C-alpha atoms as a PDB file:
ATOM      1  CA  MET A   1      87.611 102.435  96.536  1.00  0.00           C
ATOM      2  CA  SER A   2      87.361 105.858  94.876  1.00  0.00           C
ATOM      3  CA  MET A   3      90.347 107.276  93.053  1.00  0.00           C
ATOM      4  CA  PRO A   4      92.057 110.456  94.239  1.00  0.00           C
ATOM      5  CA  ALA A   5      91.333 113.557  92.162  1.00  0.00           C
ATOM      6  CA  GLY A   6      93.630 113.997  89.191  1.00  0.00           C
ATOM      7  CA  THR A   7      94.421 110.298  88.692  1.00  0.00           C
ATOM      8  CA  ALA A   8      93.417 107.998  85.848  1.00  0.00           C
ATOM      9  CA  SER A   9      91.766 104.639  86.431  1.00  0.00           C
ATOM     10  CA  LEU A  10      93.949 101.670  85.597  1.00  0.00           C
ATOM     11  CA  TYR A  11      91.038  99.290  85.153  1.00  0.00           C
ATOM     12  CA  ALA A  12      88.898 101.313  82.762  1.00  0.00           C
ATOM     13  CA  ALA A  13      90.692  99.748  79.771  1.00  0.00           C
ATOM     14  CA  TRP A  14      89.744  96.710  77.702  1.00  0.00           C
ATOM     15  CA  MET A  15      92.637  94.362  76.929  1.00  0.00           C
ATOM     16  CA  ASP A  16      92.759  93.468  73.222  1.00  0.00           C
ATOM     17  CA  ALA A  17      94.164  90.013  72.517  1.00  0.00           C
ATOM     18  CA  ALA A  18      92.360  89.439  69.225  1.00  0.00           C
ATOM     19  CA  GLY A  19      94.068  87.905  66.211  1.00  0.00           C
ATOM     20  CA  PRO A  20      94.984  91.138  64.373  1.00  0.00           C
ATOM     21  CA  ALA A  21      96.511  92.544  67.556  1.00  0.00           C
ATOM     22  CA  ARG A  22      98.754  89.504  68.157  1.00  0.00           C
ATOM     23  CA  LEU A  23     102.366  88.879  67.245  1.00  0.00           C
ATOM     24  CA  ASP A  24     103.253  85.348  66.122  1.00  0.00           C
ATOM     25  CA  LEU A  25     106.879  84.459  66.813  1.00  0.00           C
ATOM     26  CA  ARG A  26     108.725  81.333  65.660  1.00  0.00           C
ATOM     27  CA  HIS A  27     112.261  79.996  65.957  1.00  0.00           C
ATOM     28  CA  GLY A  28     113.078  76.363  65.204  1.00  0.00           C
ATOM     29  CA  PRO A  29     110.674  74.188  67.223  1.00  0.00           C
ATOM     30  CA  HIS A  30     109.456  77.113  69.363  1.00  0.00           C
ATOM     31  CA  ARG A  31     106.336  79.201  68.763  1.00  0.00           C
ATOM     32  CA  ALA A  32     105.005  82.076  70.852  1.00  0.00           C
ATOM     33  CA  VAL A  33     102.011  84.418  70.638  1.00  0.00           C
ATOM     34  CA  VAL A  34     102.298  87.908  72.140  1.00  0.00           C
ATOM     35  CA  ALA A  35      99.493  90.416  72.789  1.00  0.00           C
ATOM     36  CA  PRO A  36     101.015  93.936  73.065  1.00  0.00           C
ATOM     37  CA  ALA A  37      97.586  95.564  73.519  1.00  0.00           C
ATOM     38  CA  ALA A  38      96.742  93.166  76.362  1.00  0.00           C
ATOM     39  CA  GLY A  39      99.359  94.045  78.938  1.00  0.00           C
ATOM     40  CA  GLY A  40     102.363  92.985  76.846  1.00  0.00           C
ATOM     41  CA  ARG A  41     101.445  89.384  77.698  1.00  0.00           C
ATOM     42  CA  ILE A  42     102.789  86.213  76.141  1.00  0.00           C
ATOM     43  CA  LEU A  43      99.564  84.320  75.490  1.00  0.00           C
ATOM     44  CA  ARG A  44     101.209  81.037  74.565  1.00  0.00           C
ATOM     45  CA  TRP A  45     104.615  79.379  74.246  1.00  0.00           C
ATOM     46  CA  THR A  46     104.728  75.993  72.536  1.00  0.00           C
ATOM     47  CA  THR A  47     107.631  73.720  71.563  1.00  0.00           C
ATOM     48  CA  ASP A  48     107.410  70.839  69.105  1.00  0.00           C
ATOM     49  CA  LEU A  49     108.923  67.885  70.976  1.00  0.00           C
ATOM     50  CA  ALA A  50     109.527  64.311  69.815  1.00  0.00           C
ATOM     51  CA  GLU A  51     106.318  63.234  71.556  1.00  0.00           C
ATOM     52  CA  GLY A  52     104.309  66.166  70.167  1.00  0.00           C
ATOM     53  CA  PRO A  53     103.753  69.889  70.912  1.00  0.00           C
ATOM     54  CA  ARG A  54     104.119  71.020  74.539  1.00  0.00           C
ATOM     55  CA  ASP A  55     102.433  74.115  75.949  1.00  0.00           C
ATOM     56  CA  TRP A  56     104.840  75.251  78.662  1.00  0.00           C
ATOM     57  CA  LEU A  57     102.397  77.954  79.771  1.00  0.00           C
ATOM     58  CA  ALA A  58      98.679  77.610  80.362  1.00  0.00           C
ATOM     59  CA  PRO A  59      97.496  79.024  77.010  1.00  0.00           C
ATOM     60  CA  VAL A  60      95.226  82.059  76.850  1.00  0.00           C
ATOM     61  CA  GLU A  61      92.516  81.353  74.284  1.00  0.00           C
ATOM     62  CA  ILE A  62      90.172  84.318  74.709  1.00  0.00           C
ATOM     63  CA  GLU A  63      90.535  87.458  72.580  1.00  0.00           C
ATOM     64  CA  GLY A  64      89.929  90.158  75.171  1.00  0.00           C
ATOM     65  CA  TRP A  65      89.046  90.875  78.767  1.00  0.00           C
ATOM     66  CA  PRO A  66      88.459  93.767  81.182  1.00  0.00           C
ATOM     67  CA  ALA A  67      91.743  95.004  82.622  1.00  0.00           C
ATOM     68  CA  HIS A  68      90.698  93.894  86.120  1.00  0.00           C
ATOM     69  CA  ALA A  69      89.785  90.310  85.100  1.00  0.00           C
ATOM     70  CA  TRP A  70      92.828  88.921  83.304  1.00  0.00           C
ATOM     71  CA  PRO A  71      92.895  85.228  82.354  1.00  0.00           C
ATOM     72  CA  LYS A  72      94.988  82.920  84.481  1.00  0.00           C
ATOM     73  CA  GLY A  73      97.493  81.927  81.835  1.00  0.00           C
ATOM     74  CA  GLY A  74     100.441  82.984  79.733  1.00  0.00           C
ATOM     75  CA  LEU A  75     103.207  85.206  81.117  1.00  0.00           C
ATOM     76  CA  PHE A  76     103.237  88.931  81.856  1.00  0.00           C
ATOM     77  CA  PRO A  77     105.569  91.587  83.355  1.00  0.00           C
ATOM     78  CA  LEU A  78     105.171  92.897  86.890  1.00  0.00           C
ATOM     79  CA  ALA A  79     106.017  96.614  87.158  1.00  0.00           C
ATOM     80  CA  PRO A  80     106.634  98.935  88.901  1.00  0.00           C
ATOM     81  CA  PHE A  81     106.023  96.488  91.747  1.00  0.00           C
ATOM     82  CA  SER A  82     105.457  92.778  92.216  1.00  0.00           C
ATOM     83  CA  ASN A  83     102.454  91.185  93.888  1.00  0.00           C
ATOM     84  CA  ARG A  84     100.440  93.157  96.469  1.00  0.00           C
ATOM     85  CA  VAL A  85     100.477  96.530  98.177  1.00  0.00           C
ATOM     86  CA  ARG A  86      98.519  96.227 101.422  1.00  0.00           C
ATOM     87  CA  ASP A  87      95.175  98.049 101.368  1.00  0.00           C
ATOM     88  CA  ALA A  88      96.359  99.882  98.213  1.00  0.00           C
ATOM     89  CA  ARG A  89      98.216 102.324 100.479  1.00  0.00           C
ATOM     90  CA  LEU A  90     101.891 103.057  99.803  1.00  0.00           C
ATOM     91  CA  ARG A  91     103.765 104.622 102.719  1.00  0.00           C
ATOM     92  CA  TRP A  92     106.504 106.649 101.089  1.00  0.00           C
ATOM     93  CA  GLY A  93     108.535 109.172 103.039  1.00  0.00           C
ATOM     94  CA  SER A  94     106.155 111.295 105.064  1.00  0.00           C
ATOM     95  CA  ARG A  95     103.180 110.526 102.804  1.00  0.00           C
ATOM     96  CA  THR A  96     100.675 107.712 102.383  1.00  0.00           C
ATOM     97  CA  LEU A  97      99.812 107.360  98.702  1.00  0.00           C
ATOM     98  CA  ALA A  98      96.447 105.936  97.617  1.00  0.00           C
ATOM     99  CA  LEU A  99      96.802 103.436  94.774  1.00  0.00           C
ATOM    100  CA  GLU A 100      93.968 101.901  92.796  1.00  0.00           C
ATOM    101  CA  ALA A 101      92.916  98.566  94.274  1.00  0.00           C
ATOM    102  CA  LEU A 102      91.934  95.617  92.137  1.00  0.00           C
ATOM    103  CA  PRO A 103      88.121  95.851  91.900  1.00  0.00           C
ATOM    104  CA  GLY A 104      86.511  93.628  94.505  1.00  0.00           C
ATOM    105  CA  HIS A 105      89.745  93.298  96.492  1.00  0.00           C
ATOM    106  CA  PRO A 106      91.375  95.474  99.164  1.00  0.00           C
ATOM    107  CA  HIS A 107      94.919  95.551  97.745  1.00  0.00           C
ATOM    108  CA  ALA A 108      96.756  96.938  94.729  1.00  0.00           C
ATOM    109  CA  LEU A 109      97.958  93.955  92.695  1.00  0.00           C
ATOM    110  CA  HIS A 110     100.779  93.179  90.228  1.00  0.00           C
ATOM    111  CA  GLY A 111     101.581  96.751  89.164  1.00  0.00           C
ATOM    112  CA  GLN A 112     100.202  98.804  86.316  1.00  0.00           C
ATOM    113  CA  ALA A 113     102.115  97.217  83.404  1.00  0.00           C
ATOM    114  CA  GLN A 114      99.935  94.126  83.037  1.00  0.00           C
ATOM    115  CA  ALA A 115      96.742  96.182  82.740  1.00  0.00           C
ATOM    116  CA  MET A 116      97.893  98.664  80.067  1.00  0.00           C
ATOM    117  CA  PRO A 117      98.376  98.466  76.284  1.00  0.00           C
ATOM    118  CA  TRP A 118     101.960  98.408  75.017  1.00  0.00           C
ATOM    119  CA  THR A 119     103.503  99.759  71.793  1.00  0.00           C
ATOM    120  CA  VAL A 120     105.489  97.563  69.397  1.00  0.00           C
ATOM    121  CA  LEU A 121     108.928  99.029  68.655  1.00  0.00           C
ATOM    122  CA  GLU A 122     110.248  96.159  66.555  1.00  0.00           C
ATOM    123  CA  THR A 123     109.277  92.615  65.668  1.00  0.00           C
ATOM    124  CA  GLY A 124     110.726  89.788  63.584  1.00  0.00           C
ATOM    125  CA  ASP A 125     110.234  86.065  63.095  1.00  0.00           C
ATOM    126  CA  GLY A 126     111.530  85.133  66.533  1.00  0.00           C
ATOM    127  CA  HIS A 127     111.600  88.330  68.566  1.00  0.00           C
ATOM    128  CA  ALA A 128     109.614  91.384  69.618  1.00  0.00           C
ATOM    129  CA  GLU A 129     110.498  94.577  71.439  1.00  0.00           C
ATOM    130  CA  LEU A 130     107.680  96.420  73.218  1.00  0.00           C
ATOM    131  CA  VAL A 131     107.512  99.617  75.240  1.00  0.00           C
ATOM    132  CA  LEU A 132     105.067 101.019  77.766  1.00  0.00           C
ATOM    133  CA  ASP A 133     105.017 104.679  78.786  1.00  0.00           C
ATOM    134  CA  HIS A 134     103.193 105.138  82.079  1.00  0.00           C
ATOM    135  CA  PRO A 135     102.104 108.742  82.732  1.00  0.00           C
ATOM    136  CA  ALA A 136     102.143 109.956  86.307  1.00  0.00           C
ATOM    137  CA  GLY A 137      98.833 109.272  88.033  1.00  0.00           C
ATOM    138  CA  VAL A 138      97.569 106.140  86.253  1.00  0.00           C
ATOM    139  CA  GLY A 139      96.280 103.754  88.909  1.00  0.00           C
ATOM    140  CA  GLY A 140      97.247 106.307  91.546  1.00  0.00           C
ATOM    141  CA  TRP A 141     100.998 105.791  90.931  1.00  0.00           C
ATOM    142  CA  PRO A 142     102.344 109.378  90.993  1.00  0.00           C
ATOM    143  CA  TRP A 143     105.573 108.734  89.042  1.00  0.00           C
ATOM    144  CA  ALA A 144     106.068 108.551  85.285  1.00  0.00           C
ATOM    145  CA  TRP A 145     108.090 105.629  83.985  1.00  0.00           C
ATOM    146  CA  ARG A 146     108.975 103.716  80.838  1.00  0.00           C
ATOM    147  CA  LEU A 147     109.292  99.941  80.579  1.00  0.00           C
ATOM    148  CA  ARG A 148     110.927  98.096  77.688  1.00  0.00           C
ATOM    149  CA  GLN A 149     110.305  94.403  77.163  1.00  0.00           C
ATOM    150  CA  THR A 150     112.281  92.214  74.768  1.00  0.00           C
ATOM    151  CA  ILE A 151     110.918  88.752  74.000  1.00  0.00           C
ATOM    152  CA  ARG A 152     113.161  86.400  72.053  1.00  0.00           C
ATOM    153  CA  LEU A 153     112.883  82.769  71.007  1.00  0.00           C
ATOM    154  CA  GLU A 154     116.314  81.134  70.886  1.00  0.00           C
ATOM    155  CA  PRO A 155     117.481  77.605  70.041  1.00  0.00           C
ATOM    156  CA  ALA A 156     117.391  76.659  73.724  1.00  0.00           C
ATOM    157  CA  GLY A 157     114.033  78.263  74.544  1.00  0.00           C
ATOM    158  CA  LEU A 158     112.632  81.655  75.575  1.00  0.00           C
ATOM    159  CA  ARG A 159     114.420  84.760  76.854  1.00  0.00           C
ATOM    160  CA  ILE A 160     112.780  87.911  78.241  1.00  0.00           C
ATOM    161  CA  ARG A 161     114.436  91.197  79.209  1.00  0.00           C
ATOM    162  CA  LEU A 162     112.837  94.095  81.097  1.00  0.00           C
ATOM    163  CA  SER A 163     114.219  97.602  81.643  1.00  0.00           C
ATOM    164  CA  LEU A 164     112.348 100.048  83.885  1.00  0.00           C
ATOM    165  CA  ARG A 165     113.336 103.746  83.764  1.00  0.00           C
ATOM    166  CA  ASN A 166     112.139 106.440  86.153  1.00  0.00           C
ATOM    167  CA  ARG A 167     110.986 109.330  83.949  1.00  0.00           C
ATOM    168  CA  SER A 168     109.770 111.563  86.767  1.00  0.00           C
ATOM    169  CA  ASP A 169     111.759 114.292  88.525  1.00  0.00           C
ATOM    170  CA  ALA A 170     111.690 112.574  91.947  1.00  0.00           C
ATOM    171  CA  PRO A 171     113.042 109.276  93.307  1.00  0.00           C
ATOM    172  CA  MET A 172     110.662 106.354  92.756  1.00  0.00           C
ATOM    173  CA  PRO A 173     110.315 103.049  94.621  1.00  0.00           C
ATOM    174  CA  ALA A 174     110.721 100.362  92.001  1.00  0.00           C
ATOM    175  CA  GLY A 175     110.466  96.661  91.435  1.00  0.00           C
ATOM    176  CA  LEU A 176     110.229  94.221  88.553  1.00  0.00           C
ATOM    177  CA  GLY A 177     109.109  90.658  88.105  1.00  0.00           C
ATOM    178  CA  LEU A 178     107.634  88.151  85.690  1.00  0.00           C
ATOM    179  CA  HIS A 179     104.467  86.108  86.194  1.00  0.00           C
ATOM    180  CA  PRO A 180     104.293  82.816  84.269  1.00  0.00           C
ATOM    181  CA  TYR A 181     101.492  80.262  84.630  1.00  0.00           C
ATOM    182  CA  PHE A 182     103.314  76.980  83.978  1.00  0.00           C
ATOM    183  CA  THR A 183     101.583  73.711  83.130  1.00  0.00           C
ATOM    184  CA  ALA A 184     104.350  72.058  85.195  1.00  0.00           C
ATOM    185  CA  ALA A 185     104.000  69.473  87.963  1.00  0.00           C
ATOM    186  CA  GLY A 186     106.616  70.975  90.289  1.00  0.00           C
ATOM    187  CA  VAL A 187     109.730  73.078  90.751  1.00  0.00           C
ATOM    188  CA  ARG A 188     113.066  72.535  92.490  1.00  0.00           C
ATOM    189  CA  LEU A 189     115.129  75.498  93.723  1.00  0.00           C
ATOM    190  CA  ASN A 190     117.359  76.889  96.463  1.00  0.00           C
ATOM    191  CA  ALA A 191     116.218  79.871  98.555  1.00  0.00           C
ATOM    192  CA  ALA A 192     117.538  80.901 101.962  1.00  0.00           C
ATOM    193  CA  THR A 193     114.305  82.302 103.399  1.00  0.00           C
ATOM    194  CA  GLU A 194     110.560  81.805 103.275  1.00  0.00           C
ATOM    195  CA  TRP A 195     108.432  84.752 104.353  1.00  0.00           C
ATOM    196  CA  THR A 196     105.518  84.105 106.654  1.00  0.00           C
ATOM    197  CA  HIS A 197     102.335  85.564 105.232  1.00  0.00           C
ATOM    198  CA  GLU A 198      98.713  86.209 105.979  1.00  0.00           C
ATOM    199  CA  ASP A 199      96.064  86.671 103.312  1.00  0.00           C
ATOM    200  CA  GLU A 200      98.912  86.455 100.764  1.00  0.00           C
ATOM    201  CA  LEU A 201     100.737  89.442 102.269  1.00  0.00           C
ATOM    202  CA  ALA A 202     104.330  88.873 103.397  1.00  0.00           C
ATOM    203  CA  ARG A 203     105.182  89.480 107.041  1.00  0.00           C
ATOM    204  CA  CYS A 204     108.709  88.409 108.063  1.00  0.00           C
ATOM    205  CA  PRO A 205     111.433  86.026 106.836  1.00  0.00           C
ATOM    206  CA  GLN A 206     112.389  82.722 108.386  1.00  0.00           C
ATOM    207  CA  ALA A 207     114.855  80.013 107.376  1.00  0.00           C
ATOM    208  CA  ASN A 208     113.765  77.894 104.424  1.00  0.00           C
ATOM    209  CA  ARG A 209     114.833  74.256 104.206  1.00  0.00           C
ATOM    210  CA  ARG A 210     112.530  73.169 101.410  1.00  0.00           C
ATOM    211  CA  ALA A 211     113.803  72.663  97.859  1.00  0.00           C
ATOM    212  CA  ASP A 212     110.998  70.742  96.118  1.00  0.00           C
ATOM    213  CA  TRP A 213     107.564  72.263  95.589  1.00  0.00           C
ATOM    214  CA  ALA A 214     104.792  70.228  93.938  1.00  0.00           C
ATOM    215  CA  ARG A 215     101.801  71.839  92.245  1.00  0.00           C
ATOM    216  CA  GLY A 216      99.413  69.378  93.905  1.00  0.00           C
ATOM    217  CA  THR A 217      95.651  69.841  93.961  1.00  0.00           C
ATOM    218  CA  ARG A 218      95.178  72.508  96.628  1.00  0.00           C
ATOM    219  CA  THR A 219      95.639  76.290  96.522  1.00  0.00           C
ATOM    220  CA  TRP A 220      98.839  77.547  98.143  1.00  0.00           C
ATOM    221  CA  THR A 221     101.345  80.425  97.988  1.00  0.00           C
ATOM    222  CA  ALA A 222     104.962  80.805  99.108  1.00  0.00           C
ATOM    223  CA  PHE A 223     107.120  83.963  99.267  1.00  0.00           C
ATOM    224  CA  LEU A 224     110.832  83.112  99.061  1.00  0.00           C
ATOM    225  CA  GLY A 225     113.956  85.261  99.435  1.00  0.00           C
ATOM    226  CA  GLY A 226     117.676  84.745  99.155  1.00  0.00           C
ATOM    227  CA  TRP A 227     117.031  82.833  95.937  1.00  0.00           C
ATOM    228  CA  ASP A 228     120.111  81.862  93.905  1.00  0.00           C
ATOM    229  CA  GLY A 229     118.428  82.702  90.593  1.00  0.00           C
ATOM    230  CA  ARG A 230     118.024  79.170  89.288  1.00  0.00           C
ATOM    231  CA  ALA A 231     115.120  76.757  89.256  1.00  0.00           C
ATOM    232  CA  ARG A 232     114.319  73.440  87.658  1.00  0.00           C
ATOM    233  CA  VAL A 233     110.708  73.313  86.442  1.00  0.00           C
ATOM    234  CA  ASP A 234     109.504  69.726  85.969  1.00  0.00           C
ATOM    235  CA  TRP A 235     106.635  68.004  84.162  1.00  0.00           C
ATOM    236  CA  ASP A 236     105.332  64.534  84.939  1.00  0.00           C
ATOM    237  CA  ARG A 237     107.060  63.189  81.836  1.00  0.00           C
ATOM    238  CA  GLY A 238     109.325  64.368  79.067  1.00  0.00           C
ATOM    239  CA  PRO A 239     111.519  67.484  79.035  1.00  0.00           C
ATOM    240  CA  GLY A 240     111.453  70.218  81.638  1.00  0.00           C
ATOM    241  CA  LEU A 241     112.706  73.802  81.807  1.00  0.00           C
ATOM    242  CA  ASP A 242     115.800  75.315  83.374  1.00  0.00           C
ATOM    243  CA  LEU A 243     114.808  78.750  84.691  1.00  0.00           C
ATOM    244  CA  ARG A 244     117.674  81.220  85.106  1.00  0.00           C
ATOM    245  CA  ALA A 245     117.390  84.778  86.373  1.00  0.00           C
ATOM    246  CA  GLU A 246     119.514  87.667  85.121  1.00  0.00           C
ATOM    247  CA  GLY A 247     119.960  90.732  87.273  1.00  0.00           C
ATOM    248  CA  PRO A 248     118.757  91.327  90.851  1.00  0.00           C
ATOM    249  CA  LEU A 249     115.927  88.779  90.918  1.00  0.00           C
ATOM    250  CA  GLU A 250     116.548  87.477  94.430  1.00  0.00           C
ATOM    251  CA  HIS A 251     112.913  86.898  95.405  1.00  0.00           C
ATOM    252  CA  LEU A 252     110.383  84.404  94.141  1.00  0.00           C
ATOM    253  CA  VAL A 253     106.640  83.881  94.466  1.00  0.00           C
ATOM    254  CA  LEU A 254     105.281  80.357  94.058  1.00  0.00           C
ATOM    255  CA  HIS A 255     101.546  79.938  93.615  1.00  0.00           C
ATOM    256  CA  ALA A 256      99.229  77.081  92.695  1.00  0.00           C
ATOM    257  CA  ASN A 257      95.479  77.436  92.351  1.00  0.00           C
ATOM    258  CA  ALA A 258      93.566  74.205  92.941  1.00  0.00           C
ATOM    259  CA  GLY A 259      96.146  72.332  90.866  1.00  0.00           C
ATOM    260  CA  ARG A 260      95.282  74.208  87.657  1.00  0.00           C
ATOM    261  CA  TYR A 261      98.758  75.704  87.108  1.00  0.00           C
ATOM    262  CA  LEU A 262     102.030  76.454  88.872  1.00  0.00           C
ATOM    263  CA  CYS A 263     103.288  80.046  88.981  1.00  0.00           C
ATOM    264  CA  VAL A 264     107.032  80.543  89.518  1.00  0.00           C
ATOM    265  CA  GLU A 265     107.418  84.335  89.647  1.00  0.00           C
ATOM    266  CA  PRO A 266     110.926  85.828  89.919  1.00  0.00           C
ATOM    267  CA  ALA A 267     110.922  89.331  91.413  1.00  0.00           C
ATOM    268  CA  THR A 268     113.361  91.928  92.690  1.00  0.00           C
ATOM    269  CA  HIS A 269     111.499  92.355  95.991  1.00  0.00           C
ATOM    270  CA  VAL A 270     109.103  90.613  98.321  1.00  0.00           C
ATOM    271  CA  CYS A 271     105.374  91.301  98.378  1.00  0.00           C
ATOM    272  CA  ASP A 272     104.470  94.722  99.911  1.00  0.00           C
ATOM    273  CA  ALA A 273     108.159  95.664 100.099  1.00  0.00           C
ATOM    274  CA  VAL A 274     107.615  99.440 100.378  1.00  0.00           C
ATOM    275  CA  ASN A 275     105.358  99.160 103.418  1.00  0.00           C
ATOM    276  CA  LEU A 276     107.483  96.466 105.057  1.00  0.00           C
ATOM    277  CA  SER A 277     110.542  98.692 104.603  1.00  0.00           C
ATOM    278  CA  ALA A 278     108.617 101.601 106.146  1.00  0.00           C
ATOM    279  CA  ASP A 279     108.109  99.358 109.184  1.00  0.00           C
ATOM    280  CA  GLY A 280     111.874  98.802 109.402  1.00  0.00           C
ATOM    281  CA  GLN A 281     111.850  95.260 107.995  1.00  0.00           C
ATOM    282  CA  PRO A 282     115.214  94.491 106.300  1.00  0.00           C
ATOM    283  CA  GLY A 283     115.779  92.210 103.339  1.00  0.00           C
ATOM    284  CA  THR A 284     112.743  93.247 101.321  1.00  0.00           C
ATOM    285  CA  GLY A 285     114.669  93.896  98.099  1.00  0.00           C
ATOM    286  CA  LEU A 286     113.142  97.373  97.722  1.00  0.00           C
ATOM    287  CA  ARG A 287     114.986  99.587  95.255  1.00  0.00           C
ATOM    288  CA  VAL A 288     114.729 103.312  94.702  1.00  0.00           C
ATOM    289  CA  LEU A 289     115.392 104.764  91.250  1.00  0.00           C
ATOM    290  CA  ALA A 290     116.708 108.295  90.931  1.00  0.00           C
ATOM    291  CA  PRO A 291     115.315 110.371  88.060  1.00  0.00           C
ATOM    292  CA  ASP A 292     116.365 108.784  84.730  1.00  0.00           C
ATOM    293  CA  GLU A 293     117.838 105.734  86.502  1.00  0.00           C
ATOM    294  CA  SER A 294     116.971 102.220  85.260  1.00  0.00           C
ATOM    295  CA  LEU A 295     116.420  98.777  86.742  1.00  0.00           C
ATOM    296  CA  ASP A 296     117.174  95.841  84.415  1.00  0.00           C
ATOM    297  CA  ILE A 297     116.347  92.144  84.705  1.00  0.00           C
ATOM    298  CA  GLY A 298     116.128  89.099  82.483  1.00  0.00           C
ATOM    299  CA  LEU A 299     114.792  85.562  82.496  1.00  0.00           C
ATOM    300  CA  ARG A 300     115.914  82.532  80.515  1.00  0.00           C
ATOM    301  CA  LEU A 301     113.682  79.485  80.108  1.00  0.00           C
ATOM    302  CA  ASP A 302     115.719  76.743  78.454  1.00  0.00           C
ATOM    303  CA  VAL A 303     114.274  73.380  77.476  1.00  0.00           C
ATOM    304  CA  ARG A 304     116.010  70.611  79.408  1.00  0.00           C
ATOM    305  CA  PRO A 305     115.964  67.220  77.654  1.00  0.00           C
ATOM    306  CA  PRO A 306     114.730  64.261  79.693  1.00  0.00           C
ATOM    307  CA  PRO A 307     117.471  62.030  81.132  1.00  0.00           C
ATOM    308  CA  ALA A 308     118.539  59.212  78.835  1.00  0.00           C
ATOM    309  CA  ARG A 309     117.520  55.742  79.940  1.00  0.00           C
ATOM    310  CA  ARG A 310     120.271  53.393  81.013  1.00  0.00           C
ATOM    311  CA  GLU A 311     121.017  50.280  78.972  1.00  0.00           C
ATOM    312  CA  ASP A 312     119.631  48.096  81.786  1.00  0.00           C
ATOM    313  CA  GLY A 313     116.261  49.759  81.196  1.00  0.00           C
ATOM    314  CA  GLU A 314     116.145  51.685  84.469  1.00  0.00           C
ATOM    315  CA  ALA A 315     115.459  55.400  84.375  1.00  0.00           C
ATOM    316  CA  PRO A 316     118.424  57.150  86.046  1.00  0.00           C
ATOM    317  CA  THR A 317     118.180  60.047  88.415  1.00  0.00           C
ATOM    318  CA  ASP A 318     119.620  63.243  86.975  1.00  0.00           C
ATOM    319  CA  ASP A 319     120.674  64.920  90.222  1.00  0.00           C
END
């Protein structure tokens, strides 16, 4: 797909995740590696457990990649939208805006933030604050915006905060999310709706009665809404993670690819929310930011110790 005149290609960049460009964070048993110049991505988060080090995220080992071919690992921000925009066309007001599609695919994917280099504002032993200034036109997105990301290792685990500000002079459709690739075996959560989908594009919501989702060995995707902001991420053995959302993260994308990882992606809106809203579909989570208005979210990932064994030797349930 050719880009409209006057826009800058999102995927012309090379993401730099080499050693000198990385930030090494540490707090107690936790260690994290952050690549500001590679989409503000957390490349690795490891905790030293009694049984040895645990990589909670599928670690990213390579030192660079084209912006359109990111590695399936780590954790990165989704902004100014989550997941896909159908056919890279954004119906907004009376206009249809042409976005830049992911090369080789028909749709715009995961927003511009994960394919751009970020600037380090501050860093310390266990924290980093990054910022991304998106000029109007990059990737076809006609609004200017600024995104701040704070990454902090705490005694309990990892905390991430995102703040998206509309820096243009017109209202902007907006969304935020986070995209982790967990090494987990499954996740347990409560969500009121599951959206039907085709070709990984959401269509309409229906009642959800499922709470447990296993990674398994096949490729699958689920779009959930009415999420209560909490999830229990489990491994086959040892500790797990308690995932807790902060702010309006009422949607969730679950994705497993041939059993290689399990993505649990909190988001403020469902996939293709702008176009679904243009069709009159309610409950998409779409937000509109006035000039200079912000959208703020956070995510806590706290290590949950394994349940203690009973004196009779049986492993208890921890429901």
